[in-house]
Amino acid sequence: YAMCQVFATGVIVGVVASVYSLTAISVIRMVHICYTHLYTRHFTQKHCILYCCILWIVTFLLSTPPVMGWGKLDYLPKAVHCGLEYKDDLGYILFLYILAEGPALVLTFTCYAKIYMKIKASSKLVAQHATSQNTDQQKRSKARQRQAFCSFVISALFTLLWGPFCILTVLDNLGDLDPTLIKITTWMGFSN
């Protein structure tokens, strides 16, 4: 029973930390690409350490309510693993999805949309002024595009792999869903 609780808590911490890390990466990239003048001021080594500490404090604050009694950590036969028993108390799940992870994912994709628009506008300007002297600028622009695209794909895959599980945990409370469906979406999430 104790190992089940440790495993379930680890899963919750891992998911929340992943969401907030992806969000932090998207914000950092957006500031670096769209607001370059702010990047050097707000992302010093000292600030980054502080931001990481805040990220982990928030992660633990959002992940530990089941240990304190809000929600129940138990073996989930439908999912074939230990996790948050969402059938008994949907309140914590809804809190986590709607107030914690939902806004973080919206912010992540908003940042990538802003990055995309900035890079697209910048690429047009570089192309208009293309000369042999600014090929270095073109290379940097292409590298930024690749990095932003790669981070976007990672965030999108995370959302696509965990999203169905999140939706089904809520729907399973409304009616008894097929255990195979729950197992598939659970392992999709774990595969990320």
N, C-alpha and C. Protein backbone atom coordinates (compact mmCIF):
# COMPACT_ATOMS: atom_id res chain seq x y z
N TYR A 1 0.83 -1.20 0.00
CA TYR A 1 0.00 0.00 0.00
C TYR A 1 0.86 1.26 0.00
N ALA A 2 1.91 1.28 0.82
CA ALA A 2 2.79 2.45 0.90
C ALA A 2 3.50 2.68 -0.43
N MET A 3 3.96 1.61 -1.07
CA MET A 3 4.64 1.76 -2.37
C MET A 3 3.67 2.27 -3.43
N CYS A 4 2.43 1.85 -3.32
CA CYS A 4 1.41 2.33 -4.26
C CYS A 4 1.25 3.84 -4.11
N GLN A 5 1.22 4.33 -2.88
CA GLN A 5 1.08 5.76 -2.64
C GLN A 5 2.30 6.53 -3.15
N VAL A 6 3.48 5.97 -2.93
CA VAL A 6 4.71 6.61 -3.40
C VAL A 6 4.71 6.69 -4.93
N PHE A 7 4.33 5.58 -5.59
CA PHE A 7 4.29 5.55 -7.05
C PHE A 7 3.28 6.57 -7.57
N ALA A 8 2.08 6.58 -6.98
CA ALA A 8 1.02 7.49 -7.44
C ALA A 8 1.44 8.94 -7.26
N THR A 9 2.05 9.25 -6.13
CA THR A 9 2.52 10.62 -5.89
C THR A 9 3.60 10.98 -6.92
N GLY A 10 4.48 10.04 -7.21
CA GLY A 10 5.52 10.27 -8.20
C GLY A 10 4.95 10.55 -9.59
N VAL A 11 3.88 9.84 -9.93
CA VAL A 11 3.23 10.08 -11.23
C VAL A 11 2.65 11.48 -11.28
N ILE A 12 1.96 11.87 -10.22
CA ILE A 12 1.35 13.21 -10.19
C ILE A 12 2.43 14.28 -10.25
N VAL A 13 3.48 14.12 -9.45
CA VAL A 13 4.59 15.09 -9.45
C VAL A 13 5.21 15.15 -10.85
N GLY A 14 5.42 13.99 -11.46
CA GLY A 14 6.03 13.95 -12.79
C GLY A 14 5.21 14.66 -13.84
N VAL A 15 3.91 14.43 -13.82
CA VAL A 15 3.04 15.07 -14.81
C VAL A 15 3.00 16.59 -14.59
N VAL A 16 2.80 17.00 -13.35
CA VAL A 16 2.73 18.45 -13.07
C VAL A 16 4.07 19.12 -13.39
N ALA A 17 5.17 18.49 -13.00
CA ALA A 17 6.50 19.05 -13.29
C ALA A 17 6.73 19.13 -14.80
N SER A 18 6.27 18.13 -15.54
CA SER A 18 6.42 18.15 -17.00
C SER A 18 5.65 19.31 -17.61
N VAL A 19 4.40 19.47 -17.19
CA VAL A 19 3.58 20.56 -17.74
C VAL A 19 4.23 21.90 -17.45
N TYR A 20 4.64 22.11 -16.20
CA TYR A 20 5.21 23.40 -15.84
C TYR A 20 6.60 23.61 -16.44
N SER A 21 7.36 22.56 -16.63
CA SER A 21 8.67 22.69 -17.30
C SER A 21 8.48 23.06 -18.77
N LEU A 22 7.53 22.41 -19.43
CA LEU A 22 7.24 22.76 -20.83
C LEU A 22 6.77 24.21 -20.94
N THR A 23 5.97 24.63 -19.97
CA THR A 23 5.51 26.02 -19.97
C THR A 23 6.68 26.98 -19.76
N ALA A 24 7.54 26.66 -18.80
CA ALA A 24 8.71 27.51 -18.54
C ALA A 24 9.60 27.61 -19.78
N ILE A 25 9.82 26.50 -20.44
CA ILE A 25 10.65 26.51 -21.66
C ILE A 25 10.02 27.40 -22.72
N SER A 26 8.69 27.31 -22.87
CA SER A 26 8.03 28.12 -23.90
C SER A 26 8.11 29.61 -23.56
N VAL A 27 7.97 29.95 -22.28
CA VAL A 27 8.06 31.36 -21.88
C VAL A 27 9.49 31.88 -22.10
N ILE A 28 10.47 31.08 -21.72
CA ILE A 28 11.88 31.49 -21.91
C ILE A 28 12.17 31.70 -23.39
N ARG A 29 11.72 30.76 -24.22
CA ARG A 29 11.95 30.90 -25.67
C ARG A 29 11.24 32.13 -26.22
N MET A 30 10.01 32.36 -25.77
CA MET A 30 9.28 33.52 -26.26
C MET A 30 9.98 34.81 -25.88
N VAL A 31 10.42 34.91 -24.63
CA VAL A 31 11.12 36.13 -24.21
C VAL A 31 12.41 36.28 -25.00
N HIS A 32 13.14 35.20 -25.19
CA HIS A 32 14.41 35.26 -25.92
C HIS A 32 14.21 35.68 -27.36
N ILE A 33 13.17 35.18 -28.00
CA ILE A 33 12.95 35.47 -29.41
C ILE A 33 12.17 36.77 -29.62
N CYS A 34 11.14 36.99 -28.83
CA CYS A 34 10.24 38.14 -29.06
C CYS A 34 10.62 39.39 -28.27
N TYR A 35 11.27 39.21 -27.15
CA TYR A 35 11.63 40.34 -26.28
C TYR A 35 13.09 40.22 -25.86
N THR A 36 13.97 40.19 -26.84
CA THR A 36 15.39 39.95 -26.61
C THR A 36 15.97 40.89 -25.55
N HIS A 37 15.53 42.13 -25.54
CA HIS A 37 16.06 43.11 -24.57
C HIS A 37 15.73 42.72 -23.13
N LEU A 38 14.66 41.99 -22.90
CA LEU A 38 14.30 41.56 -21.55
C LEU A 38 14.99 40.27 -21.13
N TYR A 39 15.40 39.49 -22.13
CA TYR A 39 15.97 38.17 -21.84
C TYR A 39 17.21 38.25 -20.95
N THR A 40 18.17 39.08 -21.31
CA THR A 40 19.43 39.14 -20.55
C THR A 40 19.21 39.69 -19.15
N ARG A 41 18.19 40.51 -18.98
CA ARG A 41 17.91 41.09 -17.67
C ARG A 41 17.17 40.09 -16.76
N HIS A 42 16.24 39.32 -17.32
CA HIS A 42 15.38 38.47 -16.49
C HIS A 42 15.80 36.99 -16.45
N PHE A 43 16.77 36.61 -17.24
CA PHE A 43 17.18 35.21 -17.24
C PHE A 43 18.67 35.06 -16.96
N THR A 44 19.11 35.69 -15.89
CA THR A 44 20.48 35.50 -15.41
C THR A 44 20.52 34.14 -14.71
N GLN A 45 21.70 33.68 -14.40
CA GLN A 45 21.83 32.39 -13.72
C GLN A 45 21.09 32.41 -12.37
N LYS A 46 21.21 33.50 -11.64
CA LYS A 46 20.55 33.62 -10.35
C LYS A 46 19.02 33.57 -10.51
N HIS A 47 18.51 34.30 -11.50
CA HIS A 47 17.06 34.29 -11.75
C HIS A 47 16.58 32.91 -12.17
N CYS A 48 17.36 32.24 -13.01
CA CYS A 48 16.96 30.91 -13.48
C CYS A 48 16.90 29.90 -12.33
N ILE A 49 17.84 29.99 -11.42
CA ILE A 49 17.80 29.11 -10.24
C ILE A 49 16.54 29.40 -9.42
N LEU A 50 16.24 30.68 -9.25
CA LEU A 50 15.02 31.07 -8.53
C LEU A 50 13.78 30.55 -9.25
N TYR A 51 13.71 30.69 -10.57
CA TYR A 51 12.56 30.22 -11.34
C TYR A 51 12.40 28.70 -11.20
N CYS A 52 13.52 27.97 -11.24
CA CYS A 52 13.46 26.51 -11.08
C CYS A 52 12.94 26.14 -9.69
N CYS A 53 13.39 26.85 -8.67
CA CYS A 53 12.92 26.59 -7.30
C CYS A 53 11.42 26.86 -7.20
N ILE A 54 10.97 27.95 -7.79
CA ILE A 54 9.54 28.28 -7.78
C ILE A 54 8.75 27.19 -8.51
N LEU A 55 9.25 26.76 -9.66
CA LEU A 55 8.58 25.70 -10.43
C LEU A 55 8.40 24.45 -9.58
N TRP A 56 9.44 24.03 -8.86
CA TRP A 56 9.34 22.81 -8.06
C TRP A 56 8.47 23.00 -6.81
N ILE A 57 8.50 24.19 -6.23
CA ILE A 57 7.63 24.45 -5.08
C ILE A 57 6.16 24.38 -5.51
N VAL A 58 5.85 25.04 -6.63
CA VAL A 58 4.47 25.01 -7.15
C VAL A 58 4.09 23.57 -7.50
N THR A 59 5.00 22.84 -8.13
CA THR A 59 4.73 21.44 -8.48
C THR A 59 4.37 20.64 -7.24
N PHE A 60 5.16 20.76 -6.18
CA PHE A 60 4.86 19.99 -4.96
C PHE A 60 3.58 20.47 -4.29
N LEU A 61 3.31 21.76 -4.32
CA LEU A 61 2.06 22.27 -3.73
C LEU A 61 0.84 21.73 -4.48
N LEU A 62 0.95 21.64 -5.80
CA LEU A 62 -0.17 21.13 -6.59
C LEU A 62 -0.28 19.60 -6.53
N SER A 63 0.82 18.92 -6.25
CA SER A 63 0.84 17.46 -6.30
C SER A 63 0.55 16.79 -4.97
N THR A 64 0.71 17.48 -3.87
CA THR A 64 0.60 16.83 -2.56
C THR A 64 -0.79 16.82 -1.92
N PRO A 65 -1.80 17.53 -2.42
CA PRO A 65 -3.11 17.44 -1.77
C PRO A 65 -3.63 16.01 -1.55
N PRO A 66 -3.42 15.06 -2.50
CA PRO A 66 -3.90 13.70 -2.22
C PRO A 66 -3.20 13.06 -1.00
N VAL A 67 -1.96 13.42 -0.76
CA VAL A 67 -1.24 12.89 0.40
C VAL A 67 -1.85 13.48 1.68
N MET A 68 -2.37 14.71 1.56
CA MET A 68 -2.96 15.40 2.71
C MET A 68 -4.44 15.05 2.91
N GLY A 69 -5.03 14.31 1.97
CA GLY A 69 -6.41 13.89 2.15
C GLY A 69 -7.40 14.36 1.10
N TRP A 70 -6.97 15.28 0.21
CA TRP A 70 -7.89 15.72 -0.85
C TRP A 70 -7.66 14.80 -2.05
N GLY A 71 -8.52 13.87 -2.24
CA GLY A 71 -8.34 12.83 -3.25
C GLY A 71 -7.75 11.61 -2.58
N LYS A 72 -7.78 10.50 -3.28
CA LYS A 72 -7.32 9.24 -2.70
C LYS A 72 -6.35 8.57 -3.67
N LEU A 73 -5.20 8.20 -3.15
CA LEU A 73 -4.23 7.46 -3.95
C LEU A 73 -4.45 5.98 -3.70
N ASP A 74 -4.63 5.22 -4.78
CA ASP A 74 -4.96 3.82 -4.62
C ASP A 74 -4.61 3.07 -5.91
N TYR A 75 -4.74 1.75 -5.86
CA TYR A 75 -4.57 0.94 -7.06
C TYR A 75 -5.80 1.13 -7.94
N LEU A 76 -5.57 1.40 -9.21
CA LEU A 76 -6.66 1.61 -10.17
C LEU A 76 -6.75 0.40 -11.10
N PRO A 77 -7.68 -0.50 -10.84
CA PRO A 77 -7.75 -1.72 -11.66
C PRO A 77 -7.97 -1.44 -13.14
N LYS A 78 -8.74 -0.40 -13.46
CA LYS A 78 -8.99 -0.09 -14.88
C LYS A 78 -7.71 0.34 -15.59
N ALA A 79 -6.86 1.06 -14.88
CA ALA A 79 -5.63 1.58 -15.48
C ALA A 79 -4.45 0.65 -15.24
N VAL A 80 -4.60 -0.30 -14.36
CA VAL A 80 -3.57 -1.27 -13.99
C VAL A 80 -2.31 -0.58 -13.45
N HIS A 81 -2.50 0.38 -12.58
CA HIS A 81 -1.38 1.01 -11.89
C HIS A 81 -1.93 1.77 -10.68
N CYS A 82 -1.04 2.23 -9.86
CA CYS A 82 -1.44 3.05 -8.71
C CYS A 82 -1.54 4.50 -9.16
N GLY A 83 -2.57 5.17 -8.71
CA GLY A 83 -2.76 6.55 -9.12
C GLY A 83 -3.82 7.23 -8.28
N LEU A 84 -4.29 8.32 -8.78
CA LEU A 84 -5.32 9.09 -8.09
C LEU A 84 -6.67 8.48 -8.40
N GLU A 85 -7.37 8.05 -7.36
CA GLU A 85 -8.70 7.44 -7.52
C GLU A 85 -9.68 8.55 -7.87
N TYR A 86 -9.95 8.71 -9.14
CA TYR A 86 -10.78 9.81 -9.61
C TYR A 86 -12.27 9.51 -9.48
N LYS A 87 -12.65 8.27 -9.21
CA LYS A 87 -14.06 7.93 -9.08
C LYS A 87 -14.64 8.41 -7.75
N ASP A 88 -13.82 8.47 -6.70
CA ASP A 88 -14.31 8.88 -5.38
C ASP A 88 -14.46 10.39 -5.25
N ASP A 89 -13.51 11.12 -5.79
CA ASP A 89 -13.52 12.58 -5.60
C ASP A 89 -12.99 13.24 -6.86
N LEU A 90 -13.90 13.79 -7.63
CA LEU A 90 -13.52 14.44 -8.88
C LEU A 90 -12.99 15.86 -8.65
N GLY A 91 -13.17 16.40 -7.44
CA GLY A 91 -12.79 17.78 -7.14
C GLY A 91 -11.33 18.07 -7.39
N TYR A 92 -10.44 17.24 -6.87
CA TYR A 92 -9.01 17.48 -7.04
C TYR A 92 -8.61 17.35 -8.51
N ILE A 93 -9.18 16.35 -9.19
CA ILE A 93 -8.87 16.16 -10.62
C ILE A 93 -9.28 17.41 -11.41
N LEU A 94 -10.49 17.90 -11.17
CA LEU A 94 -10.95 19.09 -11.88
C LEU A 94 -10.08 20.30 -11.54
N PHE A 95 -9.72 20.43 -10.27
CA PHE A 95 -8.81 21.51 -9.86
C PHE A 95 -7.50 21.42 -10.64
N LEU A 96 -6.94 20.24 -10.68
CA LEU A 96 -5.65 20.04 -11.35
C LEU A 96 -5.77 20.34 -12.84
N TYR A 97 -6.80 19.83 -13.49
CA TYR A 97 -6.95 20.01 -14.93
C TYR A 97 -7.32 21.45 -15.29
N ILE A 98 -8.31 22.01 -14.60
CA ILE A 98 -8.85 23.31 -15.01
C ILE A 98 -8.04 24.49 -14.48
N LEU A 99 -7.62 24.43 -13.23
CA LEU A 99 -6.95 25.58 -12.64
C LEU A 99 -5.42 25.50 -12.66
N ALA A 100 -4.87 24.31 -12.78
CA ALA A 100 -3.42 24.18 -12.73
C ALA A 100 -2.82 23.89 -14.11
N GLU A 101 -3.19 22.78 -14.70
CA GLU A 101 -2.55 22.37 -15.94
C GLU A 101 -3.14 23.02 -17.18
N GLY A 102 -4.44 23.24 -17.18
CA GLY A 102 -5.08 23.88 -18.34
C GLY A 102 -4.48 25.22 -18.68
N PRO A 103 -4.45 26.17 -17.72
CA PRO A 103 -3.85 27.47 -18.01
C PRO A 103 -2.38 27.39 -18.42
N ALA A 104 -1.64 26.45 -17.83
CA ALA A 104 -0.22 26.29 -18.19
C ALA A 104 -0.09 25.87 -19.65
N LEU A 105 -0.93 24.93 -20.08
CA LEU A 105 -0.86 24.49 -21.47
C LEU A 105 -1.34 25.58 -22.43
N VAL A 106 -2.35 26.35 -22.04
CA VAL A 106 -2.79 27.47 -22.88
C VAL A 106 -1.65 28.48 -23.02
N LEU A 107 -0.97 28.79 -21.92
CA LEU A 107 0.16 29.72 -21.97
C LEU A 107 1.26 29.17 -22.87
N THR A 108 1.54 27.88 -22.77
CA THR A 108 2.57 27.25 -23.60
C THR A 108 2.27 27.47 -25.08
N PHE A 109 1.07 27.14 -25.49
CA PHE A 109 0.74 27.24 -26.91
C PHE A 109 0.58 28.70 -27.36
N THR A 110 0.20 29.58 -26.46
CA THR A 110 0.16 31.01 -26.77
C THR A 110 1.58 31.52 -27.03
N CYS A 111 2.52 31.09 -26.20
CA CYS A 111 3.93 31.49 -26.41
C CYS A 111 4.43 31.00 -27.76
N TYR A 112 4.11 29.74 -28.11
CA TYR A 112 4.60 29.23 -29.39
C TYR A 112 3.92 29.93 -30.57
N ALA A 113 2.67 30.33 -30.41
CA ALA A 113 2.01 31.09 -31.48
C ALA A 113 2.71 32.43 -31.66
N LYS A 114 3.05 33.08 -30.56
CA LYS A 114 3.74 34.37 -30.63
C LYS A 114 5.14 34.19 -31.26
N ILE A 115 5.83 33.13 -30.87
CA ILE A 115 7.15 32.84 -31.45
C ILE A 115 7.02 32.62 -32.95
N TYR A 116 6.04 31.84 -33.35
CA TYR A 116 5.83 31.55 -34.76
C TYR A 116 5.61 32.84 -35.55
N MET A 117 4.74 33.71 -35.02
CA MET A 117 4.47 34.97 -35.72
C MET A 117 5.72 35.85 -35.81
N LYS A 118 6.49 35.89 -34.74
CA LYS A 118 7.71 36.70 -34.71
C LYS A 118 8.73 36.15 -35.71
N ILE A 119 8.94 34.85 -35.71
CA ILE A 119 9.92 34.24 -36.62
C ILE A 119 9.47 34.41 -38.07
N LYS A 120 8.19 34.26 -38.30
CA LYS A 120 7.69 34.42 -39.67
C LYS A 120 7.93 35.86 -40.16
N ALA A 121 7.62 36.84 -39.32
CA ALA A 121 7.85 38.25 -39.69
C ALA A 121 9.34 38.52 -39.86
N SER A 122 10.14 37.97 -38.98
CA SER A 122 11.59 38.17 -39.04
C SER A 122 12.18 37.52 -40.29
N SER A 123 11.70 36.33 -40.63
CA SER A 123 12.20 35.64 -41.82
C SER A 123 11.89 36.43 -43.09
N LYS A 124 10.71 37.04 -43.12
CA LYS A 124 10.36 37.87 -44.28
C LYS A 124 11.30 39.06 -44.40
N LEU A 125 11.59 39.70 -43.27
CA LEU A 125 12.51 40.84 -43.29
C LEU A 125 13.91 40.43 -43.74
N VAL A 126 14.38 39.31 -43.22
CA VAL A 126 15.71 38.82 -43.60
C VAL A 126 15.73 38.49 -45.08
N ALA A 127 14.66 37.86 -45.57
CA ALA A 127 14.61 37.49 -46.99
C ALA A 127 14.58 38.74 -47.88
N GLN A 128 13.90 39.79 -47.43
CA GLN A 128 13.84 41.03 -48.21
C GLN A 128 15.20 41.71 -48.30
N HIS A 129 15.99 41.57 -47.26
CA HIS A 129 17.29 42.23 -47.22
C HIS A 129 18.43 41.23 -47.41
N ALA A 130 18.12 40.13 -48.08
CA ALA A 130 19.11 39.07 -48.24
C ALA A 130 20.32 39.55 -49.06
N THR A 131 21.46 39.42 -48.43
CA THR A 131 22.73 39.69 -49.10
C THR A 131 23.70 38.64 -48.60
N SER A 132 24.84 38.61 -49.17
CA SER A 132 25.84 37.64 -48.72
C SER A 132 26.35 37.98 -47.33
N GLN A 133 26.19 39.23 -46.89
CA GLN A 133 26.70 39.64 -45.58
C GLN A 133 25.81 39.18 -44.43
N ASN A 134 24.52 38.95 -44.66
CA ASN A 134 23.66 38.58 -43.54
C ASN A 134 23.27 37.10 -43.56
N THR A 135 24.08 36.26 -44.18
CA THR A 135 23.79 34.83 -44.16
C THR A 135 23.87 34.27 -42.74
N ASP A 136 24.70 34.90 -41.90
CA ASP A 136 24.77 34.50 -40.50
C ASP A 136 23.42 34.74 -39.82
N GLN A 137 22.78 35.85 -40.14
CA GLN A 137 21.45 36.15 -39.61
C GLN A 137 20.44 35.11 -40.07
N GLN A 138 20.54 34.72 -41.32
CA GLN A 138 19.63 33.71 -41.86
C GLN A 138 19.82 32.38 -41.15
N LYS A 139 21.07 32.02 -40.90
CA LYS A 139 21.36 30.75 -40.19
C LYS A 139 20.80 30.78 -38.78
N ARG A 140 20.98 31.92 -38.09
CA ARG A 140 20.45 32.05 -36.72
C ARG A 140 18.93 31.98 -36.73
N SER A 141 18.32 32.60 -37.71
CA SER A 141 16.86 32.58 -37.83
C SER A 141 16.36 31.16 -38.06
N LYS A 142 17.03 30.43 -38.93
CA LYS A 142 16.65 29.03 -39.20
C LYS A 142 16.84 28.17 -37.94
N ALA A 143 17.94 28.40 -37.22
CA ALA A 143 18.18 27.64 -35.99
C ALA A 143 17.09 27.92 -34.95
N ARG A 144 16.70 29.18 -34.83
CA ARG A 144 15.61 29.54 -33.90
C ARG A 144 14.31 28.85 -34.31
N GLN A 145 14.05 28.84 -35.61
CA GLN A 145 12.84 28.19 -36.10
C GLN A 145 12.84 26.71 -35.73
N ARG A 146 13.96 26.04 -35.95
CA ARG A 146 14.05 24.61 -35.64
C ARG A 146 13.87 24.36 -34.15
N GLN A 147 14.51 25.18 -33.31
CA GLN A 147 14.39 25.01 -31.86
C GLN A 147 12.95 25.24 -31.39
N ALA A 148 12.35 26.29 -31.88
CA ALA A 148 10.97 26.59 -31.49
C ALA A 148 10.02 25.49 -31.96
N PHE A 149 10.23 25.02 -33.18
CA PHE A 149 9.38 23.97 -33.71
C PHE A 149 9.54 22.68 -32.91
N CYS A 150 10.76 22.34 -32.56
CA CYS A 150 11.02 21.13 -31.78
C CYS A 150 10.34 21.21 -30.41
N SER A 151 10.46 22.34 -29.75
CA SER A 151 9.81 22.52 -28.45
C SER A 151 8.29 22.48 -28.57
N PHE A 152 7.78 23.07 -29.64
CA PHE A 152 6.33 23.03 -29.88
C PHE A 152 5.87 21.59 -30.06
N VAL A 153 6.60 20.81 -30.85
CA VAL A 153 6.23 19.41 -31.09
C VAL A 153 6.24 18.62 -29.79
N ILE A 154 7.24 18.84 -28.94
CA ILE A 154 7.30 18.15 -27.65
C ILE A 154 6.08 18.50 -26.80
N SER A 155 5.72 19.77 -26.75
CA SER A 155 4.55 20.20 -25.98
C SER A 155 3.27 19.62 -26.58
N ALA A 156 3.18 19.63 -27.89
CA ALA A 156 1.98 19.10 -28.56
C ALA A 156 1.85 17.60 -28.31
N LEU A 157 2.95 16.87 -28.40
CA LEU A 157 2.90 15.43 -28.14
C LEU A 157 2.51 15.14 -26.70
N PHE A 158 3.06 15.90 -25.78
CA PHE A 158 2.70 15.73 -24.37
C PHE A 158 1.19 15.90 -24.20
N THR A 159 0.66 16.95 -24.80
CA THR A 159 -0.78 17.23 -24.69
C THR A 159 -1.60 16.14 -25.38
N LEU A 160 -1.16 15.71 -26.54
CA LEU A 160 -1.89 14.66 -27.26
C LEU A 160 -1.84 13.31 -26.53
N LEU A 161 -0.74 13.05 -25.84
CA LEU A 161 -0.62 11.76 -25.15
C LEU A 161 -1.35 11.75 -23.81
N TRP A 162 -1.36 12.87 -23.09
CA TRP A 162 -2.05 12.92 -21.80
C TRP A 162 -3.49 13.41 -21.91
N GLY A 163 -3.80 14.17 -22.95
CA GLY A 163 -5.14 14.75 -23.11
C GLY A 163 -6.27 13.73 -23.06
N PRO A 164 -6.18 12.65 -23.83
CA PRO A 164 -7.27 11.66 -23.79
C PRO A 164 -7.48 11.07 -22.39
N PHE A 165 -6.41 10.83 -21.67
CA PHE A 165 -6.54 10.31 -20.30
C PHE A 165 -7.29 11.31 -19.42
N CYS A 166 -6.92 12.58 -19.53
CA CYS A 166 -7.58 13.61 -18.72
C CYS A 166 -9.06 13.67 -19.03
N ILE A 167 -9.40 13.63 -20.29
CA ILE A 167 -10.81 13.68 -20.69
C ILE A 167 -11.56 12.44 -20.19
N LEU A 168 -10.96 11.28 -20.37
CA LEU A 168 -11.64 10.04 -19.98
C LEU A 168 -11.80 9.90 -18.47
N THR A 169 -10.88 10.45 -17.68
CA THR A 169 -11.06 10.36 -16.22
C THR A 169 -12.30 11.13 -15.79
N VAL A 170 -12.58 12.23 -16.47
CA VAL A 170 -13.80 12.98 -16.15
C VAL A 170 -15.02 12.24 -16.69
N LEU A 171 -14.95 11.75 -17.93
CA LEU A 171 -16.09 11.05 -18.52
C LEU A 171 -16.40 9.74 -17.80
N ASP A 172 -15.38 9.09 -17.26
CA ASP A 172 -15.58 7.83 -16.55
C ASP A 172 -16.42 8.04 -15.29
N ASN A 173 -16.41 9.26 -14.75
CA ASN A 173 -17.26 9.57 -13.60
C ASN A 173 -18.72 9.71 -13.99
N LEU A 174 -18.96 10.07 -15.23
CA LEU A 174 -20.34 10.24 -15.69
C LEU A 174 -20.98 8.91 -16.07
N GLY A 175 -20.18 7.99 -16.49
CA GLY A 175 -20.65 6.66 -16.86
C GLY A 175 -19.48 5.72 -16.87
N ASP A 176 -19.73 4.46 -16.68
CA ASP A 176 -18.65 3.49 -16.59
C ASP A 176 -18.06 3.21 -17.97
N LEU A 177 -16.83 3.67 -18.19
CA LEU A 177 -16.17 3.46 -19.49
C LEU A 177 -15.47 2.11 -19.52
N ASP A 178 -15.21 1.65 -20.71
CA ASP A 178 -14.52 0.38 -20.93
C ASP A 178 -13.12 0.45 -20.33
N PRO A 179 -12.76 -0.52 -19.48
CA PRO A 179 -11.41 -0.52 -18.87
C PRO A 179 -10.28 -0.52 -19.89
N THR A 180 -10.50 -1.13 -21.04
CA THR A 180 -9.45 -1.16 -22.07
C THR A 180 -9.14 0.26 -22.55
N LEU A 181 -10.17 1.06 -22.69
CA LEU A 181 -9.99 2.45 -23.10
C LEU A 181 -9.15 3.21 -22.07
N ILE A 182 -9.45 3.01 -20.80
CA ILE A 182 -8.70 3.66 -19.73
C ILE A 182 -7.25 3.19 -19.74
N LYS A 183 -7.02 1.89 -19.91
CA LYS A 183 -5.65 1.34 -19.96
C LYS A 183 -4.86 1.95 -21.12
N ILE A 184 -5.49 2.01 -22.28
CA ILE A 184 -4.80 2.54 -23.46
C ILE A 184 -4.40 3.99 -23.24
N THR A 185 -5.34 4.81 -22.76
CA THR A 185 -5.02 6.23 -22.58
C THR A 185 -4.01 6.44 -21.44
N THR A 186 -4.08 5.57 -20.43
CA THR A 186 -3.09 5.67 -19.34
C THR A 186 -1.69 5.40 -19.87
N TRP A 187 -1.54 4.36 -20.64
CA TRP A 187 -0.22 4.01 -21.14
C TRP A 187 0.23 4.95 -22.26
N MET A 188 -0.72 5.57 -22.95
CA MET A 188 -0.34 6.63 -23.88
C MET A 188 0.33 7.77 -23.12
N GLY A 189 -0.27 8.16 -22.00
CA GLY A 189 0.30 9.22 -21.18
C GLY A 189 1.66 8.84 -20.63
N PHE A 190 1.77 7.62 -20.12
CA PHE A 190 3.06 7.17 -19.57
C PHE A 190 4.12 7.08 -20.65
N SER A 191 3.74 6.88 -21.89
CA SER A 191 4.73 6.72 -22.96
C SER A 191 5.43 8.03 -23.32
N ASN A 192 4.90 9.14 -22.87
CA ASN A 192 5.51 10.40 -23.27
C ASN A 192 6.87 10.53 -22.64
